[in-house]
Amino acid sequence: MTLKSRSAWLCATLLVVACSDSGAGEQQHTGTAASDAGGAASGVGGGSAGALPVATGLPPGNRVRGMALVDKNACSLCHYADYGGAGFNPNITPDERFGIGKWTDAQVEAAIRRSLSSDGTSLCTLMVRFPFSDQEVADVITFLRSLPTVARANGSACPGHGGTVM
């Protein structure tokens, strides 16, 4: 099996598992959204509103270590080689209109660790909740902020479960 066919198989398997889950076990978040959500997602999808992260006590990040973590965790399988995403796979480049350019570090941290969008709603169930240390998440954020912007929108919610479009 080639790398390309393995990647396609993995994505298809994750999609089947996530869509057969019907949201069981998803954390429900409650609270209100802050007014400075910058880059907030559209209201598409069925995520629950949650308290927005405002500040983070993360240490300074290292771009090279962040790049290694992103590579090790195969983020490009869903977010594509340019991290611009497509379909329901979000754009995670620093693009201010379609990506995470207006997100705070705390909002990016919440997406990585708790699968929450910038407005506090749940992201697609396919989004892994990464158990990164503070240093690791800071490294990933630093790497993502160093990427070239990709002005590409994603236009749909997670298949079968809603969830917010980033």
N, C-alpha and C. Protein backbone atom coordinates (compact mmCIF):
# COMPACT_ATOMS: atom_id res chain seq x y z
N MET A 1 0.85 -1.17 0.00
CA MET A 1 0.00 0.00 0.00
C MET A 1 0.90 1.24 0.00
N THR A 2 0.61 2.18 -0.85
CA THR A 2 1.40 3.40 -0.94
C THR A 2 1.03 4.35 0.19
N LEU A 3 1.89 5.33 0.42
CA LEU A 3 1.62 6.33 1.45
C LEU A 3 0.32 7.07 1.17
N LYS A 4 0.08 7.39 -0.11
CA LYS A 4 -1.14 8.12 -0.48
C LYS A 4 -2.38 7.28 -0.18
N SER A 5 -2.33 5.98 -0.51
CA SER A 5 -3.50 5.14 -0.24
C SER A 5 -3.68 4.89 1.25
N ARG A 6 -2.57 4.81 2.00
CA ARG A 6 -2.68 4.68 3.46
C ARG A 6 -3.32 5.91 4.07
N SER A 7 -2.92 7.09 3.58
CA SER A 7 -3.49 8.33 4.09
C SER A 7 -4.98 8.40 3.79
N ALA A 8 -5.37 8.01 2.58
CA ALA A 8 -6.79 8.02 2.21
C ALA A 8 -7.56 7.03 3.08
N TRP A 9 -6.98 5.85 3.31
CA TRP A 9 -7.63 4.85 4.15
C TRP A 9 -7.80 5.37 5.57
N LEU A 10 -6.75 6.02 6.13
CA LEU A 10 -6.81 6.55 7.49
C LEU A 10 -7.89 7.62 7.60
N CYS A 11 -7.94 8.54 6.64
CA CYS A 11 -8.96 9.60 6.68
C CYS A 11 -10.36 9.00 6.58
N ALA A 12 -10.56 8.03 5.70
CA ALA A 12 -11.87 7.39 5.55
C ALA A 12 -12.26 6.66 6.82
N THR A 13 -11.31 5.97 7.45
CA THR A 13 -11.59 5.26 8.69
C THR A 13 -11.97 6.22 9.80
N LEU A 14 -11.22 7.32 9.93
CA LEU A 14 -11.54 8.31 10.96
C LEU A 14 -12.91 8.91 10.73
N LEU A 15 -13.27 9.15 9.48
CA LEU A 15 -14.57 9.70 9.16
C LEU A 15 -15.68 8.74 9.56
N VAL A 16 -15.51 7.46 9.24
CA VAL A 16 -16.52 6.45 9.59
C VAL A 16 -16.67 6.35 11.11
N VAL A 17 -15.56 6.29 11.82
CA VAL A 17 -15.60 6.18 13.27
C VAL A 17 -16.27 7.40 13.88
N ALA A 18 -15.88 8.57 13.45
CA ALA A 18 -16.44 9.80 14.02
C ALA A 18 -17.92 9.92 13.72
N CYS A 19 -18.33 9.58 12.51
CA CYS A 19 -19.73 9.72 12.15
C CYS A 19 -20.59 8.63 12.75
N SER A 20 -20.03 7.48 13.07
CA SER A 20 -20.81 6.43 13.71
C SER A 20 -20.94 6.67 15.20
N ASP A 21 -20.15 7.58 15.74
CA ASP A 21 -20.16 7.88 17.16
C ASP A 21 -21.39 8.68 17.58
N SER A 22 -22.00 9.40 16.66
CA SER A 22 -23.17 10.25 16.93
C SER A 22 -22.96 11.22 18.08
N GLY A 23 -21.72 11.62 18.30
CA GLY A 23 -21.44 12.62 19.32
C GLY A 23 -21.35 12.05 20.72
N ALA A 24 -21.43 10.75 20.90
CA ALA A 24 -21.37 10.16 22.23
C ALA A 24 -20.04 10.49 22.87
N GLY A 25 -20.09 10.89 24.09
CA GLY A 25 -18.89 11.18 24.84
C GLY A 25 -18.31 12.55 24.59
N GLU A 26 -18.92 13.36 23.73
CA GLU A 26 -18.40 14.69 23.50
C GLU A 26 -18.62 15.55 24.73
N GLN A 27 -17.64 16.35 25.04
CA GLN A 27 -17.78 17.24 26.16
C GLN A 27 -18.72 18.37 25.79
N GLN A 28 -19.59 18.72 26.69
CA GLN A 28 -20.47 19.86 26.47
C GLN A 28 -19.91 21.04 27.24
N HIS A 29 -19.83 22.17 26.61
CA HIS A 29 -19.28 23.36 27.22
C HIS A 29 -20.37 24.41 27.31
N THR A 30 -20.42 25.11 28.41
CA THR A 30 -21.40 26.16 28.56
C THR A 30 -20.70 27.45 28.93
N GLY A 31 -21.37 28.54 28.70
CA GLY A 31 -20.79 29.84 29.01
C GLY A 31 -21.20 30.83 27.95
N THR A 32 -20.52 31.97 27.95
CA THR A 32 -20.83 32.99 26.97
C THR A 32 -19.60 33.32 26.17
N ALA A 33 -19.81 33.78 24.99
CA ALA A 33 -18.69 34.14 24.11
C ALA A 33 -18.26 35.57 24.39
N ALA A 34 -16.98 35.80 24.28
CA ALA A 34 -16.44 37.14 24.47
C ALA A 34 -16.64 37.94 23.19
N SER A 35 -16.63 39.25 23.33
CA SER A 35 -16.87 40.10 22.16
C SER A 35 -15.65 40.24 21.27
N ASP A 36 -14.47 39.85 21.77
CA ASP A 36 -13.27 40.01 20.97
C ASP A 36 -12.83 38.69 20.36
N ALA A 37 -13.77 37.89 19.90
CA ALA A 37 -13.44 36.56 19.38
C ALA A 37 -12.63 36.63 18.10
N GLY A 38 -12.49 37.75 17.47
CA GLY A 38 -11.73 37.92 16.26
C GLY A 38 -11.65 36.67 15.40
N GLY A 39 -12.02 36.73 14.18
CA GLY A 39 -11.95 35.58 13.31
C GLY A 39 -12.93 34.50 13.71
N ALA A 40 -13.95 34.87 14.45
CA ALA A 40 -14.91 33.88 14.92
C ALA A 40 -15.53 33.14 13.75
N ALA A 41 -15.82 31.91 14.00
CA ALA A 41 -16.39 31.06 12.95
C ALA A 41 -17.83 31.45 12.68
N SER A 42 -18.31 31.01 11.54
CA SER A 42 -19.71 31.21 11.25
C SER A 42 -20.52 30.33 12.17
N GLY A 43 -21.78 30.58 12.29
CA GLY A 43 -22.62 29.81 13.19
C GLY A 43 -23.02 28.46 12.63
N VAL A 44 -22.41 27.98 11.56
CA VAL A 44 -22.75 26.71 10.96
C VAL A 44 -22.39 25.59 11.92
N GLY A 45 -23.26 24.62 12.03
CA GLY A 45 -22.93 23.45 12.82
C GLY A 45 -23.67 23.41 14.13
N GLY A 46 -23.40 22.37 14.91
CA GLY A 46 -24.16 22.15 16.11
C GLY A 46 -23.35 22.16 17.37
N GLY A 47 -22.22 22.82 17.41
CA GLY A 47 -21.41 22.83 18.63
C GLY A 47 -22.08 23.62 19.73
N SER A 48 -21.70 23.33 20.96
CA SER A 48 -22.22 24.04 22.11
C SER A 48 -21.31 25.21 22.43
N ALA A 49 -21.91 26.33 22.81
CA ALA A 49 -21.11 27.50 23.15
C ALA A 49 -20.37 27.24 24.44
N GLY A 50 -19.16 27.76 24.54
CA GLY A 50 -18.37 27.58 25.75
C GLY A 50 -17.64 28.86 26.07
N ALA A 51 -17.04 28.91 27.25
CA ALA A 51 -16.30 30.09 27.66
C ALA A 51 -15.06 30.20 26.78
N LEU A 52 -14.82 31.38 26.27
CA LEU A 52 -13.67 31.60 25.41
C LEU A 52 -12.41 31.77 26.25
N PRO A 53 -11.34 31.11 25.82
CA PRO A 53 -10.06 31.36 26.49
C PRO A 53 -9.59 32.75 26.15
N VAL A 54 -9.10 33.47 27.12
CA VAL A 54 -8.67 34.85 26.89
C VAL A 54 -7.16 34.96 26.90
N ALA A 55 -6.52 34.50 27.95
CA ALA A 55 -5.08 34.62 28.06
C ALA A 55 -4.48 33.24 28.29
N THR A 56 -3.23 33.12 27.99
CA THR A 56 -2.55 31.85 28.20
C THR A 56 -1.22 32.10 28.87
N GLY A 57 -0.83 31.19 29.73
CA GLY A 57 0.45 31.30 30.41
C GLY A 57 1.49 30.41 29.74
N LEU A 58 1.39 30.26 28.43
CA LEU A 58 2.31 29.38 27.72
C LEU A 58 3.71 29.98 27.66
N PRO A 59 4.71 29.11 27.69
CA PRO A 59 6.09 29.60 27.52
C PRO A 59 6.33 30.01 26.08
N PRO A 60 7.44 30.65 25.79
CA PRO A 60 7.77 30.98 24.41
C PRO A 60 7.92 29.68 23.60
N GLY A 61 7.41 29.72 22.37
CA GLY A 61 7.46 28.53 21.53
C GLY A 61 8.70 28.48 20.66
N ASN A 62 8.98 27.30 20.14
CA ASN A 62 10.10 27.07 19.25
C ASN A 62 9.55 26.54 17.93
N ARG A 63 9.77 27.26 16.86
CA ARG A 63 9.21 26.91 15.55
C ARG A 63 9.67 25.54 15.06
N VAL A 64 10.93 25.21 15.23
CA VAL A 64 11.46 23.94 14.73
C VAL A 64 10.84 22.76 15.49
N ARG A 65 10.75 22.88 16.80
CA ARG A 65 10.11 21.80 17.59
C ARG A 65 8.63 21.71 17.22
N GLY A 66 7.98 22.85 16.99
CA GLY A 66 6.58 22.84 16.58
C GLY A 66 6.39 22.15 15.24
N MET A 67 7.28 22.42 14.30
CA MET A 67 7.21 21.78 13.00
C MET A 67 7.36 20.26 13.15
N ALA A 68 8.26 19.82 14.01
CA ALA A 68 8.46 18.39 14.24
C ALA A 68 7.21 17.75 14.84
N LEU A 69 6.56 18.44 15.78
CA LEU A 69 5.33 17.90 16.39
C LEU A 69 4.19 17.82 15.38
N VAL A 70 4.05 18.85 14.56
CA VAL A 70 3.01 18.86 13.53
C VAL A 70 3.25 17.73 12.53
N ASP A 71 4.51 17.51 12.19
CA ASP A 71 4.85 16.43 11.27
C ASP A 71 4.61 15.07 11.93
N LYS A 72 5.06 14.91 13.16
CA LYS A 72 4.90 13.65 13.89
C LYS A 72 3.43 13.27 14.06
N ASN A 73 2.58 14.26 14.26
CA ASN A 73 1.16 14.01 14.47
C ASN A 73 0.34 14.07 13.19
N ALA A 74 1.01 14.15 12.05
CA ALA A 74 0.39 14.07 10.72
C ALA A 74 -0.75 15.06 10.53
N CYS A 75 -0.57 16.29 10.99
CA CYS A 75 -1.60 17.32 10.85
C CYS A 75 -1.94 17.60 9.39
N SER A 76 -0.97 17.41 8.50
CA SER A 76 -1.20 17.69 7.09
C SER A 76 -2.14 16.68 6.43
N LEU A 77 -2.41 15.55 7.08
CA LEU A 77 -3.38 14.60 6.50
C LEU A 77 -4.75 15.25 6.39
N CYS A 78 -5.12 16.05 7.35
CA CYS A 78 -6.42 16.72 7.31
C CYS A 78 -6.32 18.17 6.85
N HIS A 79 -5.26 18.85 7.25
CA HIS A 79 -5.15 20.28 6.95
C HIS A 79 -4.37 20.54 5.67
N TYR A 80 -3.90 19.50 5.00
CA TYR A 80 -3.19 19.53 3.73
C TYR A 80 -1.76 20.04 3.89
N ALA A 81 -0.96 19.81 2.88
CA ALA A 81 0.47 20.12 2.94
C ALA A 81 0.73 21.60 3.18
N ASP A 82 -0.16 22.47 2.69
CA ASP A 82 0.03 23.92 2.89
C ASP A 82 -0.73 24.43 4.12
N TYR A 83 -1.38 23.52 4.85
CA TYR A 83 -2.17 23.81 6.05
C TYR A 83 -3.34 24.74 5.78
N GLY A 84 -3.70 24.89 4.50
CA GLY A 84 -4.82 25.72 4.11
C GLY A 84 -6.16 25.01 4.16
N GLY A 85 -6.16 23.71 4.42
CA GLY A 85 -7.40 22.94 4.52
C GLY A 85 -8.23 22.98 3.26
N ALA A 86 -9.34 22.28 3.29
CA ALA A 86 -10.32 22.25 2.20
C ALA A 86 -11.53 21.49 2.70
N GLY A 87 -12.70 21.78 2.16
CA GLY A 87 -13.91 21.11 2.62
C GLY A 87 -14.16 21.41 4.08
N PHE A 88 -14.33 20.35 4.89
CA PHE A 88 -14.55 20.58 6.32
C PHE A 88 -13.24 20.60 7.11
N ASN A 89 -12.11 20.43 6.42
CA ASN A 89 -10.80 20.50 7.08
C ASN A 89 -10.35 21.96 7.12
N PRO A 90 -10.23 22.54 8.30
CA PRO A 90 -9.97 23.98 8.43
C PRO A 90 -8.61 24.46 7.95
N ASN A 91 -8.59 25.70 7.57
CA ASN A 91 -7.38 26.43 7.24
C ASN A 91 -6.74 26.83 8.57
N ILE A 92 -5.52 26.38 8.83
CA ILE A 92 -4.85 26.72 10.08
C ILE A 92 -3.60 27.57 9.85
N THR A 93 -3.60 28.28 8.71
CA THR A 93 -2.51 29.22 8.44
C THR A 93 -2.85 30.55 9.11
N PRO A 94 -1.91 31.48 9.17
CA PRO A 94 -2.17 32.78 9.80
C PRO A 94 -3.04 33.73 8.98
N ASP A 95 -3.73 33.22 7.97
CA ASP A 95 -4.62 34.07 7.18
C ASP A 95 -5.71 34.63 8.09
N GLU A 96 -5.89 35.96 8.08
CA GLU A 96 -6.84 36.59 8.99
C GLU A 96 -8.29 36.38 8.60
N ARG A 97 -8.57 36.14 7.34
CA ARG A 97 -9.95 35.96 6.92
C ARG A 97 -10.40 34.50 7.03
N PHE A 98 -9.58 33.57 6.58
CA PHE A 98 -9.98 32.17 6.52
C PHE A 98 -9.25 31.26 7.50
N GLY A 99 -8.16 31.71 8.07
CA GLY A 99 -7.36 30.88 8.96
C GLY A 99 -7.44 31.32 10.41
N ILE A 100 -6.34 31.16 11.12
CA ILE A 100 -6.28 31.46 12.55
C ILE A 100 -5.57 32.77 12.84
N GLY A 101 -5.44 33.61 11.82
CA GLY A 101 -4.70 34.87 11.96
C GLY A 101 -5.23 35.82 13.02
N LYS A 102 -6.54 35.81 13.26
CA LYS A 102 -7.12 36.70 14.28
C LYS A 102 -7.34 35.98 15.61
N TRP A 103 -7.01 34.72 15.66
CA TRP A 103 -7.19 33.96 16.90
C TRP A 103 -6.08 34.31 17.89
N THR A 104 -6.43 34.31 19.17
CA THR A 104 -5.41 34.47 20.21
C THR A 104 -4.70 33.14 20.40
N ASP A 105 -3.55 33.18 21.05
CA ASP A 105 -2.85 31.94 21.35
C ASP A 105 -3.72 31.02 22.21
N ALA A 106 -4.49 31.60 23.12
CA ALA A 106 -5.38 30.80 23.97
C ALA A 106 -6.46 30.12 23.15
N GLN A 107 -6.96 30.77 22.12
CA GLN A 107 -7.97 30.16 21.26
C GLN A 107 -7.36 29.02 20.44
N VAL A 108 -6.15 29.20 19.94
CA VAL A 108 -5.48 28.13 19.20
C VAL A 108 -5.19 26.96 20.15
N GLU A 109 -4.75 27.28 21.35
CA GLU A 109 -4.50 26.24 22.36
C GLU A 109 -5.78 25.44 22.63
N ALA A 110 -6.92 26.11 22.75
CA ALA A 110 -8.19 25.42 23.00
C ALA A 110 -8.58 24.53 21.83
N ALA A 111 -8.27 24.95 20.61
CA ALA A 111 -8.56 24.11 19.44
C ALA A 111 -7.70 22.85 19.48
N ILE A 112 -6.44 23.01 19.81
CA ILE A 112 -5.51 21.88 19.83
C ILE A 112 -5.82 20.92 20.97
N ARG A 113 -6.03 21.46 22.16
CA ARG A 113 -6.18 20.61 23.35
C ARG A 113 -7.61 20.16 23.62
N ARG A 114 -8.59 21.03 23.30
CA ARG A 114 -9.97 20.71 23.69
C ARG A 114 -10.93 20.67 22.52
N SER A 115 -10.42 20.83 21.31
CA SER A 115 -11.24 20.79 20.10
C SER A 115 -12.35 21.84 20.12
N LEU A 116 -11.98 23.07 20.51
CA LEU A 116 -12.93 24.17 20.54
C LEU A 116 -12.54 25.22 19.51
N SER A 117 -13.56 25.78 18.86
CA SER A 117 -13.34 26.85 17.91
C SER A 117 -13.09 28.17 18.62
N SER A 118 -12.79 29.20 17.86
CA SER A 118 -12.50 30.51 18.45
C SER A 118 -13.68 31.09 19.21
N ASP A 119 -14.90 30.64 18.89
CA ASP A 119 -16.08 31.14 19.61
C ASP A 119 -16.50 30.21 20.75
N GLY A 120 -15.70 29.19 21.03
CA GLY A 120 -15.98 28.30 22.15
C GLY A 120 -16.86 27.12 21.83
N THR A 121 -17.27 26.96 20.57
CA THR A 121 -18.09 25.81 20.19
C THR A 121 -17.20 24.63 19.82
N SER A 122 -17.77 23.45 19.86
CA SER A 122 -17.02 22.24 19.54
C SER A 122 -16.66 22.20 18.07
N LEU A 123 -15.43 21.79 17.79
CA LEU A 123 -15.02 21.55 16.41
C LEU A 123 -15.47 20.15 16.02
N CYS A 124 -15.21 19.77 14.83
CA CYS A 124 -15.55 18.45 14.30
C CYS A 124 -15.00 17.35 15.21
N THR A 125 -15.74 16.28 15.36
CA THR A 125 -15.29 15.17 16.21
C THR A 125 -14.05 14.49 15.67
N LEU A 126 -13.70 14.74 14.41
CA LEU A 126 -12.46 14.20 13.87
C LEU A 126 -11.23 14.90 14.44
N MET A 127 -11.41 16.10 14.97
CA MET A 127 -10.28 16.85 15.53
C MET A 127 -9.84 16.18 16.82
N VAL A 128 -8.63 15.66 16.79
CA VAL A 128 -8.07 15.00 17.97
C VAL A 128 -7.83 16.03 19.05
N ARG A 129 -8.06 15.65 20.27
CA ARG A 129 -7.70 16.50 21.42
C ARG A 129 -6.30 16.10 21.85
N PHE A 130 -5.32 16.88 21.42
CA PHE A 130 -3.93 16.52 21.65
C PHE A 130 -3.52 16.80 23.09
N PRO A 131 -2.92 15.82 23.76
CA PRO A 131 -2.51 15.98 25.16
C PRO A 131 -1.11 16.60 25.27
N PHE A 132 -0.90 17.69 24.55
CA PHE A 132 0.41 18.32 24.55
C PHE A 132 0.68 19.03 25.87
N SER A 133 1.95 19.07 26.24
CA SER A 133 2.39 19.87 27.38
C SER A 133 2.28 21.35 26.99
N ASP A 134 2.43 22.23 27.97
CA ASP A 134 2.41 23.67 27.67
C ASP A 134 3.49 24.02 26.65
N GLN A 135 4.68 23.45 26.81
CA GLN A 135 5.76 23.76 25.88
C GLN A 135 5.44 23.25 24.48
N GLU A 136 4.90 22.05 24.38
CA GLU A 136 4.58 21.50 23.06
C GLU A 136 3.51 22.32 22.35
N VAL A 137 2.46 22.71 23.05
CA VAL A 137 1.41 23.49 22.40
C VAL A 137 1.95 24.87 22.00
N ALA A 138 2.82 25.45 22.82
CA ALA A 138 3.44 26.73 22.46
C ALA A 138 4.30 26.58 21.21
N ASP A 139 5.01 25.46 21.11
CA ASP A 139 5.84 25.20 19.92
C ASP A 139 4.98 25.07 18.67
N VAL A 140 3.87 24.36 18.77
CA VAL A 140 2.98 24.18 17.62
C VAL A 140 2.39 25.53 17.20
N ILE A 141 1.95 26.33 18.15
CA ILE A 141 1.39 27.65 17.84
C ILE A 141 2.43 28.52 17.14
N THR A 142 3.66 28.50 17.64
CA THR A 142 4.73 29.28 17.02
C THR A 142 4.96 28.83 15.59
N PHE A 143 4.96 27.52 15.35
CA PHE A 143 5.12 27.01 13.98
C PHE A 143 3.96 27.47 13.10
N LEU A 144 2.71 27.30 13.58
CA LEU A 144 1.56 27.69 12.76
C LEU A 144 1.60 29.17 12.42
N ARG A 145 2.01 30.00 13.34
CA ARG A 145 2.08 31.45 13.10
C ARG A 145 3.19 31.80 12.10
N SER A 146 4.15 30.90 11.91
CA SER A 146 5.26 31.16 10.99
C SER A 146 4.94 30.75 9.55
N LEU A 147 3.84 30.07 9.35
CA LEU A 147 3.48 29.58 8.01
C LEU A 147 3.08 30.73 7.10
N PRO A 148 3.27 30.55 5.80
CA PRO A 148 2.73 31.54 4.86
C PRO A 148 1.21 31.46 4.88
N THR A 149 0.56 32.58 4.71
CA THR A 149 -0.91 32.58 4.71
C THR A 149 -1.43 31.90 3.45
N VAL A 150 -2.55 31.24 3.60
CA VAL A 150 -3.25 30.62 2.48
C VAL A 150 -4.67 31.16 2.54
N ALA A 151 -5.08 31.91 1.52
CA ALA A 151 -6.41 32.52 1.50
C ALA A 151 -7.41 31.54 0.88
N ARG A 152 -7.74 30.51 1.64
CA ARG A 152 -8.68 29.50 1.16
C ARG A 152 -9.68 29.22 2.28
N ALA A 153 -10.95 29.36 1.96
CA ALA A 153 -12.01 29.10 2.93
C ALA A 153 -12.35 27.63 2.94
N ASN A 154 -12.81 27.16 4.08
CA ASN A 154 -13.45 25.85 4.10
C ASN A 154 -14.93 26.15 4.21
N GLY A 155 -15.75 25.34 3.57
CA GLY A 155 -17.12 25.75 3.45
C GLY A 155 -18.16 24.88 4.08
N SER A 156 -17.77 23.87 4.83
CA SER A 156 -18.81 23.00 5.36
C SER A 156 -18.46 22.50 6.75
N ALA A 157 -19.49 22.09 7.47
CA ALA A 157 -19.30 21.56 8.81
C ALA A 157 -18.93 20.09 8.74
N CYS A 158 -18.47 19.58 9.83
CA CYS A 158 -18.10 18.17 9.95
C CYS A 158 -19.25 17.28 9.51
N PRO A 159 -18.99 16.33 8.63
CA PRO A 159 -20.08 15.47 8.14
C PRO A 159 -20.67 14.62 9.26
N GLY A 160 -21.97 14.68 9.39
CA GLY A 160 -22.67 13.83 10.34
C GLY A 160 -22.82 14.38 11.74
N HIS A 161 -22.05 15.40 12.11
CA HIS A 161 -22.12 15.88 13.49
C HIS A 161 -22.22 17.38 13.63
N GLY A 162 -22.22 18.08 12.59
CA GLY A 162 -22.20 19.53 12.74
C GLY A 162 -20.83 19.96 13.21
N GLY A 163 -20.78 20.72 14.24
CA GLY A 163 -19.50 21.27 14.69
C GLY A 163 -19.27 22.56 13.94
N THR A 164 -18.52 23.42 14.50
CA THR A 164 -18.30 24.73 13.92
C THR A 164 -17.26 24.68 12.82
N VAL A 165 -17.50 25.41 11.76
CA VAL A 165 -16.50 25.63 10.74
C VAL A 165 -15.57 26.69 11.28
N MET A 166 -14.28 26.45 11.24
CA MET A 166 -13.33 27.42 11.78
C MET A 166 -13.41 28.69 10.97
